[in-house]
Amino acid sequence: MTSDQLTCFENKSCDDIANAKDFASLCPGSGGGSQPTKPTAATCNSKTCAEGQYCAMAYDSASDSWKEGSCQTLPSDCATASVQDLCPCMKEHHCPSGSYSLKCSQADSALYFGCE
């Protein structure tokens, strides 16, 4: 958390905090791009992905669940997206039309993504 974000948080009302979707939407980075622009620290099958990578997920229809695959490099058309725009960018550009199942989640700035 940056000092700008901390100041932002301190200035929010209890209602603002209670109604926020997440911290990033409540107090996005300001002053010098303090929000990371690439996913970091995703853990994928016990391996820590490098900056600029995400954990590729695969849908297992037999168990009706998502399974972690491997660390993959973020595609160039989404590489400059802000962290909060990664899921929409990946969904729009990297899922085949007619995909019946989609997984896109973020934990802090770690991205987990897959579509089938």
Protein backbone atom coordinates (compact mmCIF):
# COMPACT_ATOMS: atom_id res chain seq x y z
CA MET A 1 0.00 0.00 0.00
CA THR A 2 1.38 3.39 -0.93
CA SER A 3 1.15 6.50 1.22
CA ASP A 4 -1.27 8.00 -1.34
CA GLN A 5 -3.52 4.95 -1.04
CA LEU A 6 -3.34 5.05 2.76
CA THR A 7 -4.32 8.72 2.76
CA CYS A 8 -7.17 7.95 0.37
CA PHE A 9 -8.39 5.13 2.63
CA GLU A 10 -8.23 7.30 5.73
CA ASN A 11 -10.40 9.91 4.00
CA LYS A 12 -13.17 7.46 3.04
CA SER A 13 -16.40 7.25 4.99
CA CYS A 14 -17.57 4.00 6.58
CA ASP A 15 -20.30 3.80 3.91
CA ASP A 16 -17.72 4.20 1.11
CA ILE A 17 -15.66 1.38 2.59
CA ALA A 18 -18.64 -0.90 3.19
CA ASN A 19 -19.94 -0.40 -0.37
CA ALA A 20 -16.61 -0.74 -2.20
CA LYS A 21 -16.19 -3.71 -4.51
CA ASP A 22 -12.53 -4.02 -3.47
CA PHE A 23 -9.66 -1.88 -2.25
CA ALA A 24 -8.42 -1.09 -5.76
CA SER A 25 -11.76 0.44 -6.70
CA LEU A 26 -11.94 2.33 -3.40
CA CYS A 27 -8.44 3.80 -3.57
CA PRO A 28 -6.74 3.18 -6.90
CA GLY A 29 -3.06 4.01 -7.11
CA SER A 30 -2.21 7.61 -7.73
CA GLY A 31 0.84 9.77 -8.11
CA GLY A 32 3.40 7.98 -10.24
CA GLY A 33 1.62 4.78 -11.17
CA SER A 34 1.78 3.01 -7.85
CA GLN A 35 -0.58 0.24 -9.02
CA PRO A 36 1.27 -2.62 -10.69
CA THR A 37 0.50 -2.89 -14.39
CA LYS A 38 1.38 -6.58 -14.66
CA PRO A 39 0.31 -9.51 -12.55
CA THR A 40 2.79 -10.65 -9.95
CA ALA A 41 3.22 -13.49 -7.50
CA ALA A 42 0.65 -15.93 -8.89
CA THR A 43 1.25 -19.41 -7.52
CA CYS A 44 0.49 -22.05 -10.12
CA ASN A 45 0.89 -25.74 -9.21
CA SER A 46 3.30 -24.76 -6.41
CA LYS A 47 5.43 -22.65 -8.76
CA THR A 48 5.60 -18.88 -8.33
CA CYS A 49 5.03 -17.11 -11.63
CA ALA A 50 7.31 -14.23 -12.59
CA GLU A 51 6.17 -10.65 -13.06
CA GLY A 52 4.22 -10.35 -16.30
CA GLN A 53 2.93 -13.93 -16.08
CA TYR A 54 -0.39 -15.42 -15.04
CA CYS A 55 -1.56 -18.84 -13.94
CA ALA A 56 -3.28 -20.57 -16.86
CA MET A 57 -6.34 -22.48 -15.70
CA ALA A 58 -7.97 -25.47 -17.43
CA TYR A 59 -11.55 -26.63 -16.97
CA ASP A 60 -11.91 -30.28 -16.00
CA SER A 61 -15.41 -31.33 -17.06
CA ALA A 62 -15.13 -34.68 -15.25
CA SER A 63 -14.79 -33.00 -11.88
CA ASP A 64 -16.64 -29.83 -12.92
CA SER A 65 -13.82 -27.66 -11.57
CA TRP A 66 -10.91 -25.49 -12.64
CA LYS A 67 -7.37 -26.84 -12.31
CA GLU A 68 -4.16 -24.84 -12.23
CA GLY A 69 -1.98 -25.40 -15.28
CA SER A 70 1.26 -23.52 -15.74
CA CYS A 71 2.65 -19.99 -15.65
CA GLN A 72 2.12 -18.25 -18.98
CA THR A 73 3.40 -14.91 -20.26
CA LEU A 74 0.76 -12.23 -20.38
CA PRO A 75 -0.23 -11.63 -24.05
CA SER A 76 1.16 -8.40 -25.50
CA ASP A 77 -2.29 -6.91 -26.17
CA CYS A 78 -3.07 -7.08 -22.43
CA ALA A 79 0.45 -6.46 -21.11
CA THR A 80 -0.12 -2.72 -20.70
CA ALA A 81 -3.55 -3.07 -19.10
CA SER A 82 -3.88 -1.93 -15.51
CA VAL A 83 -4.38 -4.69 -12.97
CA GLN A 84 -8.11 -3.93 -12.68
CA ASP A 85 -8.48 -4.20 -16.50
CA LEU A 86 -6.66 -7.53 -16.92
CA CYS A 87 -9.71 -9.79 -16.60
CA PRO A 88 -11.81 -7.81 -19.10
CA CYS A 89 -8.87 -7.63 -21.54
CA MET A 90 -8.14 -11.36 -21.30
CA LYS A 91 -11.83 -12.26 -21.66
CA GLU A 92 -12.26 -10.04 -24.71
CA HIS A 93 -9.10 -11.02 -26.56
CA HIS A 94 -8.21 -14.55 -25.47
CA CYS A 95 -11.39 -16.60 -25.30
CA PRO A 96 -12.75 -18.20 -28.45
CA SER A 97 -16.25 -17.11 -29.36
CA GLY A 98 -18.76 -19.51 -27.93
CA SER A 99 -16.61 -20.35 -24.89
CA TYR A 100 -18.90 -22.12 -22.48
CA SER A 101 -16.79 -21.78 -19.38
CA LEU A 102 -14.60 -18.95 -18.18
CA LYS A 103 -12.38 -18.40 -15.14
CA CYS A 104 -10.76 -15.09 -14.39
CA SER A 105 -9.87 -14.13 -10.87
CA GLN A 106 -7.34 -12.00 -9.15
CA ALA A 107 -5.83 -12.27 -5.70
CA ASP A 108 -4.03 -9.00 -5.02
CA SER A 109 -2.21 -8.55 -8.33
CA ALA A 110 -1.93 -12.26 -9.20
CA LEU A 111 -4.02 -13.29 -12.21
CA TYR A 112 -5.66 -16.70 -12.73
CA PHE A 113 -7.25 -17.12 -16.17
CA GLY A 114 -8.72 -19.80 -18.39
CA CYS A 115 -11.54 -20.35 -20.86
CA GLU A 116 -12.87 -23.44 -22.55
